[in-house]
Amino acid sequence: MEEILSKIAHCVEFGKVNKAAPYPPDMKGLDGADELTREALDSGVKADVILKQALVEGMDRVGKKFSEKKIFIPQMLMSAKAMNAAIEHLKPYFKSGEVQRKGKFIIATVQGDLHDIGKNLVKMSIEGAGWEVIDLGVDVKVEKLLAAIEENPGAKIGLSALLTTTMGNMKDAVAAIKSKYPNNEVLIGGAPVNDDFRKQIGADYYAPDPQGVVAHLNK
């Protein structure tokens, strides 16, 4: 069992999606996260074991490498594809309740901002750490955020902004959330955002990279 879990974690770490995938070159023709996860389940490995000991482990390595600038966005996106291929096999176990996630995380790029790479990297890292992620997409209006929070009581919220012109919309979103749901934790991030801005708008946490978000949530 340990061998196949190690292989799955390796596929996630290096972005090997499936056997047909040419990336990475040194794993060409080998089974990827897709086939190995199916094989693990068929051989009796529990879905929650695969999640915790293979996917979370692999994504933890990816996050650390990214924060240390040992890999960059293209490699991280390939790891995301590999992880998502494995997650597809685990979804029935999430729905049945056999696999318990750590909690729910609502994520969105604020109204007026169409950038999603940063949001997607954070989403992938959090999902890989064992959380259920509700992705509202980009250019998200406050009303949509509030509706999602109502549908997912107790969820944590992550807001992203890449433009200085949409930082005001982030401020408005945080104010609206805190007014209606004062106990829900709001995390913010994005290129123009920093911890001073977090304090100004009343958000709970700021992280400069996906690994910082994961580390905070895991506390």
C-alpha atoms as a PDB file:
ATOM      1  CA  MET A   1       0.000   0.000   0.000  1.00  0.00           C
ATOM      2  CA  GLU A   2       2.768   2.427   0.900  1.00  0.00           C
ATOM      3  CA  GLU A   3       4.342   1.971  -2.522  1.00  0.00           C
ATOM      4  CA  ILE A   4       1.256   2.985  -4.507  1.00  0.00           C
ATOM      5  CA  LEU A   5       0.539   5.919  -2.182  1.00  0.00           C
ATOM      6  CA  SER A   6       4.115   7.080  -2.696  1.00  0.00           C
ATOM      7  CA  LYS A   7       3.663   6.808  -6.467  1.00  0.00           C
ATOM      8  CA  ILE A   8       0.470   8.873  -6.398  1.00  0.00           C
ATOM      9  CA  ALA A   9       2.134  11.559  -4.281  1.00  0.00           C
ATOM     10  CA  HIS A  10       5.061  11.584  -6.729  1.00  0.00           C
ATOM     11  CA  CYS A  11       2.673  12.036  -9.682  1.00  0.00           C
ATOM     12  CA  VAL A  12       1.009  14.984  -7.971  1.00  0.00           C
ATOM     13  CA  GLU A  13       4.331  16.526  -7.010  1.00  0.00           C
ATOM     14  CA  PHE A  14       5.695  16.348 -10.563  1.00  0.00           C
ATOM     15  CA  GLY A  15       2.464  16.828 -12.526  1.00  0.00           C
ATOM     16  CA  LYS A  16       1.991  13.389 -14.082  1.00  0.00           C
ATOM     17  CA  VAL A  17      -1.731  13.387 -14.912  1.00  0.00           C
ATOM     18  CA  ASN A  18      -2.163  10.053 -16.687  1.00  0.00           C
ATOM     19  CA  LYS A  19      -0.328   7.507 -18.809  1.00  0.00           C
ATOM     20  CA  ALA A  20      -0.963   9.436 -22.034  1.00  0.00           C
ATOM     21  CA  ALA A  21       0.448  12.681 -20.642  1.00  0.00           C
ATOM     22  CA  PRO A  22       3.905  13.529 -22.055  1.00  0.00           C
ATOM     23  CA  TYR A  23       4.804  15.605 -18.996  1.00  0.00           C
ATOM     24  CA  PRO A  24       7.116  15.228 -17.182  1.00  0.00           C
ATOM     25  CA  PRO A  25       9.418  13.763 -19.874  1.00  0.00           C
ATOM     26  CA  ASP A  26      11.161  11.322 -17.517  1.00  0.00           C
ATOM     27  CA  MET A  27       7.779   9.693 -16.689  1.00  0.00           C
ATOM     28  CA  LYS A  28       6.568   9.336 -20.278  1.00  0.00           C
ATOM     29  CA  GLY A  29       4.589   6.139 -20.766  1.00  0.00           C
ATOM     30  CA  LEU A  30       4.150   5.515 -17.035  1.00  0.00           C
ATOM     31  CA  ASP A  31       0.853   5.466 -15.194  1.00  0.00           C
ATOM     32  CA  GLY A  32      -0.176   8.808 -13.737  1.00  0.00           C
ATOM     33  CA  ALA A  33      -2.305   9.990 -10.844  1.00  0.00           C
ATOM     34  CA  ASP A  34      -5.440   8.949 -12.741  1.00  0.00           C
ATOM     35  CA  GLU A  35      -4.559   5.280 -13.220  1.00  0.00           C
ATOM     36  CA  LEU A  36      -2.757   4.857  -9.902  1.00  0.00           C
ATOM     37  CA  THR A  37      -5.659   6.251  -7.865  1.00  0.00           C
ATOM     38  CA  ARG A  38      -8.082   3.890  -9.608  1.00  0.00           C
ATOM     39  CA  GLU A  39      -5.681   1.006  -9.001  1.00  0.00           C
ATOM     40  CA  ALA A  40      -5.336   1.925  -5.325  1.00  0.00           C
ATOM     41  CA  LEU A  41      -9.105   2.013  -4.803  1.00  0.00           C
ATOM     42  CA  ASP A  42      -9.571  -1.278  -6.678  1.00  0.00           C
ATOM     43  CA  SER A  43      -6.942  -2.922  -4.490  1.00  0.00           C
ATOM     44  CA  GLY A  44      -8.785  -1.895  -1.331  1.00  0.00           C
ATOM     45  CA  VAL A  45      -6.953   1.253  -0.244  1.00  0.00           C
ATOM     46  CA  LYS A  46      -9.424   3.540   1.533  1.00  0.00           C
ATOM     47  CA  ALA A  47     -10.294   6.818  -0.160  1.00  0.00           C
ATOM     48  CA  ASP A  48      -9.475   8.860   2.944  1.00  0.00           C
ATOM     49  CA  VAL A  49      -6.032   7.217   3.102  1.00  0.00           C
ATOM     50  CA  ILE A  50      -5.383   8.177  -0.526  1.00  0.00           C
ATOM     51  CA  LEU A  51      -6.462  11.745   0.188  1.00  0.00           C
ATOM     52  CA  LYS A  52      -4.376  12.194   3.337  1.00  0.00           C
ATOM     53  CA  GLN A  53      -1.290  10.111   2.597  1.00  0.00           C
ATOM     54  CA  ALA A  54      -0.924  10.684  -1.149  1.00  0.00           C
ATOM     55  CA  LEU A  55      -2.726  13.798  -2.385  1.00  0.00           C
ATOM     56  CA  VAL A  56      -2.226  15.994   0.668  1.00  0.00           C
ATOM     57  CA  GLU A  57       1.381  14.818   0.907  1.00  0.00           C
ATOM     58  CA  GLY A  58       2.060  15.549  -2.754  1.00  0.00           C
ATOM     59  CA  MET A  59       0.434  18.973  -2.639  1.00  0.00           C
ATOM     60  CA  ASP A  60       2.312  19.853   0.525  1.00  0.00           C
ATOM     61  CA  ARG A  61       5.578  19.256  -1.329  1.00  0.00           C
ATOM     62  CA  VAL A  62       4.352  21.334  -4.284  1.00  0.00           C
ATOM     63  CA  GLY A  63       3.337  24.203  -2.015  1.00  0.00           C
ATOM     64  CA  LYS A  64       6.680  24.257  -0.250  1.00  0.00           C
ATOM     65  CA  LYS A  65       8.588  24.232  -3.547  1.00  0.00           C
ATOM     66  CA  PHE A  66       6.436  27.081  -4.863  1.00  0.00           C
ATOM     67  CA  SER A  67       6.899  29.214  -1.754  1.00  0.00           C
ATOM     68  CA  GLU A  68      10.657  28.605  -1.956  1.00  0.00           C
ATOM     69  CA  LYS A  69      10.599  29.558  -5.688  1.00  0.00           C
ATOM     70  CA  LYS A  70      11.919  26.148  -6.694  1.00  0.00           C
ATOM     71  CA  ILE A  71       8.997  25.716  -9.085  1.00  0.00           C
ATOM     72  CA  PHE A  72       6.752  28.238 -10.818  1.00  0.00           C
ATOM     73  CA  ILE A  73       3.147  28.636 -11.980  1.00  0.00           C
ATOM     74  CA  PRO A  74       3.316  26.253 -15.005  1.00  0.00           C
ATOM     75  CA  GLN A  75       4.621  23.377 -12.843  1.00  0.00           C
ATOM     76  CA  MET A  76       2.064  24.126 -10.153  1.00  0.00           C
ATOM     77  CA  LEU A  77      -0.761  24.048 -12.696  1.00  0.00           C
ATOM     78  CA  MET A  78       0.407  20.638 -13.922  1.00  0.00           C
ATOM     79  CA  SER A  79       0.353  19.404 -10.331  1.00  0.00           C
ATOM     80  CA  ALA A  80      -3.192  20.737 -10.086  1.00  0.00           C
ATOM     81  CA  LYS A  81      -4.207  18.714 -13.134  1.00  0.00           C
ATOM     82  CA  ALA A  82      -2.684  15.579 -11.649  1.00  0.00           C
ATOM     83  CA  MET A  83      -4.409  16.137  -8.323  1.00  0.00           C
ATOM     84  CA  ASN A  84      -7.750  16.807 -10.002  1.00  0.00           C
ATOM     85  CA  ALA A  85      -7.442  13.578 -11.979  1.00  0.00           C
ATOM     86  CA  ALA A  86      -7.068  11.705  -8.695  1.00  0.00           C
ATOM     87  CA  ILE A  87      -9.826  13.695  -6.963  1.00  0.00           C
ATOM     88  CA  GLU A  88     -12.328  12.645  -9.668  1.00  0.00           C
ATOM     89  CA  HIS A  89     -12.038   9.055  -8.424  1.00  0.00           C
ATOM     90  CA  LEU A  90     -12.593  10.147  -4.820  1.00  0.00           C
ATOM     91  CA  LYS A  91     -15.682  12.320  -5.389  1.00  0.00           C
ATOM     92  CA  PRO A  92     -18.192   9.487  -4.813  1.00  0.00           C
ATOM     93  CA  TYR A  93     -16.584   8.907  -1.405  1.00  0.00           C
ATOM     94  CA  PHE A  94     -16.875  12.600  -0.537  1.00  0.00           C
ATOM     95  CA  LYS A  95     -20.577  12.533  -1.399  1.00  0.00           C
ATOM     96  CA  SER A  96     -21.237   9.377   0.593  1.00  0.00           C
ATOM     97  CA  GLY A  97     -19.533  10.839   3.639  1.00  0.00           C
ATOM     98  CA  GLU A  98     -16.928   8.078   3.763  1.00  0.00           C
ATOM     99  CA  VAL A  99     -14.225  10.716   3.357  1.00  0.00           C
ATOM    100  CA  GLN A 100     -14.505  13.692   5.692  1.00  0.00           C
ATOM    101  CA  ARG A 101     -13.060  16.964   4.488  1.00  0.00           C
ATOM    102  CA  LYS A 102     -11.536  19.462   6.916  1.00  0.00           C
ATOM    103  CA  GLY A 103     -14.153  22.091   6.180  1.00  0.00           C
ATOM    104  CA  LYS A 104     -15.557  24.321   3.435  1.00  0.00           C
ATOM    105  CA  PHE A 105     -13.746  27.213   1.771  1.00  0.00           C
ATOM    106  CA  ILE A 106     -15.537  29.669  -0.508  1.00  0.00           C
ATOM    107  CA  ILE A 107     -13.195  31.406  -2.938  1.00  0.00           C
ATOM    108  CA  ALA A 108     -13.767  34.224  -5.426  1.00  0.00           C
ATOM    109  CA  THR A 109     -12.108  36.995  -7.371  1.00  0.00           C
ATOM    110  CA  VAL A 110     -13.871  40.217  -6.405  1.00  0.00           C
ATOM    111  CA  GLN A 111     -16.266  42.197  -8.580  1.00  0.00           C
ATOM    112  CA  GLY A 112     -14.651  44.001 -11.496  1.00  0.00           C
ATOM    113  CA  ASP A 113     -11.588  41.729 -11.573  1.00  0.00           C
ATOM    114  CA  LEU A 114     -11.316  38.979 -14.212  1.00  0.00           C
ATOM    115  CA  HIS A 115      -7.986  37.479 -13.121  1.00  0.00           C
ATOM    116  CA  ASP A 116      -8.114  33.907 -11.926  1.00  0.00           C
ATOM    117  CA  ILE A 117      -4.612  32.369 -11.952  1.00  0.00           C
ATOM    118  CA  GLY A 118      -3.862  33.352  -8.357  1.00  0.00           C
ATOM    119  CA  LYS A 119      -7.313  32.262  -7.223  1.00  0.00           C
ATOM    120  CA  ASN A 120      -6.943  28.945  -9.008  1.00  0.00           C
ATOM    121  CA  LEU A 121      -3.552  28.264  -7.422  1.00  0.00           C
ATOM    122  CA  VAL A 122      -4.962  28.900  -3.968  1.00  0.00           C
ATOM    123  CA  LYS A 123      -8.028  26.767  -4.758  1.00  0.00           C
ATOM    124  CA  MET A 124      -5.862  23.880  -5.895  1.00  0.00           C
ATOM    125  CA  SER A 125      -3.614  24.087  -2.850  1.00  0.00           C
ATOM    126  CA  ILE A 126      -6.525  24.188  -0.397  1.00  0.00           C
ATOM    127  CA  GLU A 127      -8.360  21.357  -2.110  1.00  0.00           C
ATOM    128  CA  GLY A 128      -5.155  19.347  -2.109  1.00  0.00           C
ATOM    129  CA  ALA A 129      -4.871  19.957   1.628  1.00  0.00           C
ATOM    130  CA  GLY A 130      -8.199  18.219   2.216  1.00  0.00           C
ATOM    131  CA  TRP A 131     -10.765  21.037   2.132  1.00  0.00           C
ATOM    132  CA  GLU A 132     -13.944  21.255   0.085  1.00  0.00           C
ATOM    133  CA  VAL A 133     -13.681  24.329  -2.139  1.00  0.00           C
ATOM    134  CA  ILE A 134     -16.656  26.252  -3.516  1.00  0.00           C
ATOM    135  CA  ASP A 135     -15.243  28.298  -6.393  1.00  0.00           C
ATOM    136  CA  LEU A 136     -17.491  31.233  -7.349  1.00  0.00           C
ATOM    137  CA  GLY A 137     -15.211  32.314 -10.201  1.00  0.00           C
ATOM    138  CA  VAL A 138     -14.236  35.850 -11.185  1.00  0.00           C
ATOM    139  CA  ASP A 139     -16.006  39.235 -11.130  1.00  0.00           C
ATOM    140  CA  VAL A 140     -18.125  38.019  -8.211  1.00  0.00           C
ATOM    141  CA  LYS A 141     -20.772  40.358  -6.875  1.00  0.00           C
ATOM    142  CA  VAL A 142     -21.329  40.716  -3.132  1.00  0.00           C
ATOM    143  CA  GLU A 143     -24.812  39.198  -3.407  1.00  0.00           C
ATOM    144  CA  LYS A 144     -23.386  36.003  -4.856  1.00  0.00           C
ATOM    145  CA  LEU A 145     -20.853  35.777  -2.042  1.00  0.00           C
ATOM    146  CA  LEU A 146     -23.506  36.243   0.636  1.00  0.00           C
ATOM    147  CA  ALA A 147     -25.733  33.616  -0.976  1.00  0.00           C
ATOM    148  CA  ALA A 148     -22.870  31.112  -1.013  1.00  0.00           C
ATOM    149  CA  ILE A 149     -22.115  31.753   2.659  1.00  0.00           C
ATOM    150  CA  GLU A 150     -25.783  31.236   3.528  1.00  0.00           C
ATOM    151  CA  GLU A 151     -25.744  27.896   1.677  1.00  0.00           C
ATOM    152  CA  ASN A 152     -22.521  26.812   3.414  1.00  0.00           C
ATOM    153  CA  PRO A 153     -22.761  27.779   7.097  1.00  0.00           C
ATOM    154  CA  GLY A 154     -19.432  28.148   8.847  1.00  0.00           C
ATOM    155  CA  ALA A 155     -17.407  28.216   5.631  1.00  0.00           C
ATOM    156  CA  LYS A 156     -14.242  30.255   5.461  1.00  0.00           C
ATOM    157  CA  ILE A 157     -14.005  32.808   2.649  1.00  0.00           C
ATOM    158  CA  GLY A 158     -11.075  33.694   0.409  1.00  0.00           C
ATOM    159  CA  LEU A 159     -11.104  36.854  -1.721  1.00  0.00           C
ATOM    160  CA  SER A 160      -8.621  37.680  -4.471  1.00  0.00           C
ATOM    161  CA  ALA A 161      -7.845  40.935  -6.277  1.00  0.00           C
ATOM    162  CA  LEU A 162      -5.084  41.550  -8.802  1.00  0.00           C
ATOM    163  CA  LEU A 163      -5.881  45.152  -9.714  1.00  0.00           C
ATOM    164  CA  THR A 164      -5.478  48.212  -7.503  1.00  0.00           C
ATOM    165  CA  THR A 165      -8.753  49.452  -9.007  1.00  0.00           C
ATOM    166  CA  THR A 166     -10.671  46.498  -7.523  1.00  0.00           C
ATOM    167  CA  MET A 167      -9.233  46.751  -4.007  1.00  0.00           C
ATOM    168  CA  GLY A 168     -12.175  48.998  -3.126  1.00  0.00           C
ATOM    169  CA  ASN A 169     -14.555  46.229  -4.180  1.00  0.00           C
ATOM    170  CA  MET A 170     -12.677  43.849  -1.905  1.00  0.00           C
ATOM    171  CA  LYS A 171     -13.174  46.308   0.954  1.00  0.00           C
ATOM    172  CA  ASP A 172     -16.918  46.469   0.205  1.00  0.00           C
ATOM    173  CA  ALA A 173     -17.165  42.680   0.031  1.00  0.00           C
ATOM    174  CA  VAL A 174     -15.439  42.215   3.387  1.00  0.00           C
ATOM    175  CA  ALA A 175     -17.685  44.843   4.983  1.00  0.00           C
ATOM    176  CA  ALA A 176     -20.821  43.148   3.666  1.00  0.00           C
ATOM    177  CA  ILE A 177     -19.686  39.699   4.809  1.00  0.00           C
ATOM    178  CA  LYS A 178     -18.694  40.877   8.274  1.00  0.00           C
ATOM    179  CA  SER A 179     -21.950  42.799   8.673  1.00  0.00           C
ATOM    180  CA  LYS A 180     -24.090  39.715   7.993  1.00  0.00           C
ATOM    181  CA  TYR A 181     -21.734  36.897   9.005  1.00  0.00           C
ATOM    182  CA  PRO A 182     -19.323  38.340  11.606  1.00  0.00           C
ATOM    183  CA  ASN A 183     -18.081  34.906  12.719  1.00  0.00           C
ATOM    184  CA  ASN A 184     -17.013  33.703   9.260  1.00  0.00           C
ATOM    185  CA  GLU A 185     -13.282  34.097   8.718  1.00  0.00           C
ATOM    186  CA  VAL A 186     -12.294  36.102   5.621  1.00  0.00           C
ATOM    187  CA  LEU A 187      -8.862  35.654   4.037  1.00  0.00           C
ATOM    188  CA  ILE A 188      -7.528  37.944   1.318  1.00  0.00           C
ATOM    189  CA  GLY A 189      -4.728  37.860  -1.224  1.00  0.00           C
ATOM    190  CA  GLY A 190      -3.502  39.208  -4.534  1.00  0.00           C
ATOM    191  CA  ALA A 191      -0.624  41.213  -5.967  1.00  0.00           C
ATOM    192  CA  PRO A 192      -1.605  44.703  -4.690  1.00  0.00           C
ATOM    193  CA  VAL A 193      -2.834  43.451  -1.304  1.00  0.00           C
ATOM    194  CA  ASN A 194      -0.816  43.348   1.929  1.00  0.00           C
ATOM    195  CA  ASP A 195      -1.366  42.940   5.655  1.00  0.00           C
ATOM    196  CA  ASP A 196      -1.790  46.675   6.249  1.00  0.00           C
ATOM    197  CA  PHE A 197      -4.659  46.678   3.760  1.00  0.00           C
ATOM    198  CA  ARG A 198      -6.139  43.631   5.520  1.00  0.00           C
ATOM    199  CA  LYS A 199      -6.202  45.568   8.782  1.00  0.00           C
ATOM    200  CA  GLN A 200      -7.777  48.598   7.087  1.00  0.00           C
ATOM    201  CA  ILE A 201     -10.690  46.629   5.639  1.00  0.00           C
ATOM    202  CA  GLY A 202     -11.284  44.309   8.596  1.00  0.00           C
ATOM    203  CA  ALA A 203     -10.362  40.982   6.999  1.00  0.00           C
ATOM    204  CA  ASP A 204      -9.036  38.228   9.260  1.00  0.00           C
ATOM    205  CA  TYR A 205      -5.937  37.012   7.443  1.00  0.00           C
ATOM    206  CA  TYR A 206      -3.613  37.878   4.560  1.00  0.00           C
ATOM    207  CA  ALA A 207      -1.275  35.444   2.826  1.00  0.00           C
ATOM    208  CA  PRO A 208       1.219  36.299   0.076  1.00  0.00           C
ATOM    209  CA  ASP A 209       1.135  32.785  -1.410  1.00  0.00           C
ATOM    210  CA  PRO A 210      -1.010  29.610  -1.498  1.00  0.00           C
ATOM    211  CA  GLN A 211       1.160  27.793   1.021  1.00  0.00           C
ATOM    212  CA  GLY A 212       0.548  30.558   3.549  1.00  0.00           C
ATOM    213  CA  VAL A 213      -3.217  30.063   3.198  1.00  0.00           C
ATOM    214  CA  VAL A 214      -2.886  26.298   3.673  1.00  0.00           C
ATOM    215  CA  ALA A 215      -0.622  26.701   6.705  1.00  0.00           C
ATOM    216  CA  HIS A 216      -3.100  29.108   8.292  1.00  0.00           C
ATOM    217  CA  LEU A 217      -6.094  26.853   7.661  1.00  0.00           C
ATOM    218  CA  ASN A 218      -4.289  23.823   9.015  1.00  0.00           C
ATOM    219  CA  LYS A 219      -3.791  25.628  12.328  1.00  0.00           C
END
